[in-house]
Amino acid sequence: MAKTVKLSDEDQVTAHIQKLDAELALVVQTIREIILSTDPEIGQQIKWNNPSFYYTGAMKPFDPKEYKRDIVVLNLHKGRIMLVFPTGTRVKNHQGLLEGAYADGRRTVVFKDIDDVRSKEKLLQNVIKEWLDAVEKVD
């Protein structure tokens, strides 16, 4: 019987992106690189059937249903890529990048194409940095 090898989280994200059509894959890979280059304590995985990114550092205890570790999850639609920040209300959103006022604390960002992503790269990194500053880290 052949032994099944479980892919690492990083390899699972890579495999997921490779299954996308070329144009969408380029956009998703670019977003991935922007997010991962923002801070060394950002990890990646497939969650809710899409690439997602989370804080890997030590945190104070919390209820897992609060999603305090999850930074952003990609939600891929035809013609647009939505980034969902499950706890996006932590970010003051001074640059106006985040959208939505969901009761559960989510905020979103929608990108139309690769040019849209590249034009908002610094804004996205600023939002992620502000999110990381708000994490309840262990002292």
Protein backbone atom coordinates (compact mmCIF):
# COMPACT_ATOMS: atom_id res chain seq x y z
CA MET A 1 0.00 0.00 0.00
CA ALA A 2 1.40 3.40 -0.99
CA LYS A 3 1.99 5.82 1.83
CA THR A 4 0.20 9.14 1.40
CA VAL A 5 2.47 12.13 1.87
CA LYS A 6 0.74 15.14 3.40
CA LEU A 7 1.83 18.36 1.77
CA SER A 8 3.12 21.16 3.98
CA ASP A 9 0.83 24.16 4.41
CA GLU A 10 3.03 26.15 2.01
CA ASP A 11 2.91 23.37 -0.60
CA GLN A 12 -0.88 23.11 -0.24
CA VAL A 13 -1.20 26.84 -0.99
CA THR A 14 1.15 26.48 -3.98
CA ALA A 15 -0.85 23.51 -5.32
CA HIS A 16 -4.10 25.45 -4.89
CA ILE A 17 -2.73 28.43 -6.84
CA GLN A 18 -1.36 26.17 -9.61
CA LYS A 19 -4.89 24.84 -10.24
CA LEU A 20 -6.21 28.34 -11.00
CA ASP A 21 -6.31 29.83 -14.48
CA ALA A 22 -3.09 31.68 -15.32
CA GLU A 23 -4.37 35.24 -14.90
CA LEU A 24 -6.04 34.55 -11.55
CA ALA A 25 -3.01 32.53 -10.38
CA LEU A 26 -0.73 35.52 -11.08
CA VAL A 27 -2.95 37.83 -9.03
CA VAL A 28 -3.24 35.37 -6.13
CA GLN A 29 0.49 34.64 -6.12
CA THR A 30 1.25 38.38 -6.09
CA ILE A 31 -1.12 38.93 -3.14
CA ARG A 32 0.52 35.96 -1.39
CA GLU A 33 3.99 37.45 -1.85
CA ILE A 34 2.86 40.87 -0.62
CA ILE A 35 1.29 39.42 2.52
CA LEU A 36 4.17 37.07 3.36
CA SER A 37 6.78 39.80 2.80
CA THR A 38 5.03 42.09 5.28
CA ASP A 39 6.20 40.24 8.41
CA PRO A 40 8.18 37.05 9.15
CA GLU A 41 5.53 35.91 11.66
CA ILE A 42 2.87 35.43 8.97
CA GLY A 43 2.10 31.85 8.02
CA GLN A 44 -0.02 30.44 5.23
CA GLN A 45 -2.46 27.57 4.86
CA ILE A 46 -5.60 26.46 3.07
CA LYS A 47 -8.60 27.36 5.21
CA TRP A 48 -12.21 27.55 4.11
CA ASN A 49 -10.98 26.05 0.78
CA ASN A 50 -8.82 29.07 -0.06
CA PRO A 51 -5.36 30.46 0.70
CA SER A 52 -5.33 32.13 4.10
CA PHE A 53 -2.73 33.87 6.20
CA TYR A 54 -2.35 33.93 9.96
CA TYR A 55 -0.17 35.18 12.80
CA THR A 56 2.31 32.49 13.91
CA GLY A 57 3.66 34.17 17.05
CA ALA A 58 2.75 33.54 20.69
CA MET A 59 -0.63 34.93 21.74
CA LYS A 60 -2.63 35.19 24.93
CA PRO A 61 -5.22 32.37 25.24
CA PHE A 62 -8.50 32.90 23.37
CA ASP A 63 -11.57 31.03 22.12
CA PRO A 64 -10.69 29.56 18.67
CA LYS A 65 -14.09 30.72 17.37
CA GLU A 66 -12.87 34.30 17.73
CA TYR A 67 -10.42 33.82 14.82
CA LYS A 68 -7.88 36.09 16.53
CA ARG A 69 -4.95 34.37 14.77
CA ASP A 70 -6.45 34.67 11.25
CA ILE A 71 -5.29 37.77 9.41
CA VAL A 72 -6.84 37.36 5.96
CA VAL A 73 -8.51 34.72 3.80
CA LEU A 74 -8.80 34.96 0.02
CA ASN A 75 -12.24 34.52 -1.49
CA LEU A 76 -11.91 33.96 -5.22
CA HIS A 77 -14.76 35.06 -7.49
CA LYS A 78 -15.01 35.42 -11.24
CA GLY A 79 -13.72 38.86 -12.14
CA ARG A 80 -12.59 39.79 -8.63
CA ILE A 81 -10.53 38.63 -5.71
CA MET A 82 -11.87 39.41 -2.28
CA LEU A 83 -9.66 39.44 0.80
CA VAL A 84 -11.63 38.85 3.98
CA PHE A 85 -10.15 40.06 7.25
CA PRO A 86 -12.16 38.06 9.86
CA THR A 87 -11.23 40.57 12.58
CA GLY A 88 -10.71 43.57 10.30
CA THR A 89 -12.39 46.00 12.67
CA ARG A 90 -9.13 45.87 14.69
CA VAL A 91 -7.66 48.08 11.97
CA LYS A 92 -8.61 51.75 12.02
CA ASN A 93 -8.45 51.79 8.21
CA HIS A 94 -7.01 55.27 7.84
CA GLN A 95 -6.28 54.67 4.15
CA GLY A 96 -9.81 53.57 3.25
CA LEU A 97 -8.70 50.22 1.84
CA LEU A 98 -11.01 48.07 3.97
CA GLU A 99 -14.70 47.89 3.13
CA GLY A 100 -17.82 46.68 4.89
CA ALA A 101 -19.23 47.07 8.38
CA TYR A 102 -20.15 43.50 9.25
CA ALA A 103 -21.56 42.88 12.74
CA ASP A 104 -19.09 40.00 13.26
CA GLY A 105 -16.07 42.28 12.79
CA ARG A 106 -15.11 41.31 9.23
CA ARG A 107 -13.79 43.81 6.72
CA THR A 108 -12.96 43.15 3.08
CA VAL A 109 -10.78 44.36 0.22
CA VAL A 110 -11.67 43.67 -3.41
CA PHE A 111 -9.10 43.57 -6.20
CA LYS A 112 -10.10 43.56 -9.86
CA ASP A 113 -6.79 42.59 -11.44
CA ILE A 114 -3.00 42.57 -11.08
CA ASP A 115 -2.70 46.32 -11.69
CA ASP A 116 -5.22 46.98 -8.91
CA VAL A 117 -3.19 44.76 -6.55
CA ARG A 118 0.11 46.44 -7.40
CA SER A 119 -1.36 49.94 -7.02
CA LYS A 120 -2.60 49.07 -3.50
CA GLU A 121 0.40 47.01 -2.32
CA LYS A 122 1.63 49.52 0.30
CA LEU A 123 -1.91 50.13 1.58
CA LEU A 124 -2.41 46.36 2.01
CA GLN A 125 0.89 46.03 3.86
CA ASN A 126 -0.04 48.97 6.11
CA VAL A 127 -3.36 47.33 7.01
CA ILE A 128 -1.60 44.04 7.83
CA LYS A 129 1.04 45.83 9.93
CA GLU A 130 -1.68 47.66 11.86
CA TRP A 131 -3.53 44.35 12.35
CA LEU A 132 -0.32 42.76 13.69
CA ASP A 133 0.19 45.70 16.08
CA ALA A 134 -3.27 44.97 17.55
CA VAL A 135 -2.59 41.26 18.24
CA GLU A 136 -2.80 40.25 21.90
CA LYS A 137 0.74 38.92 22.08
CA VAL A 138 2.29 37.15 25.05
CA ASP A 139 4.67 39.54 26.83
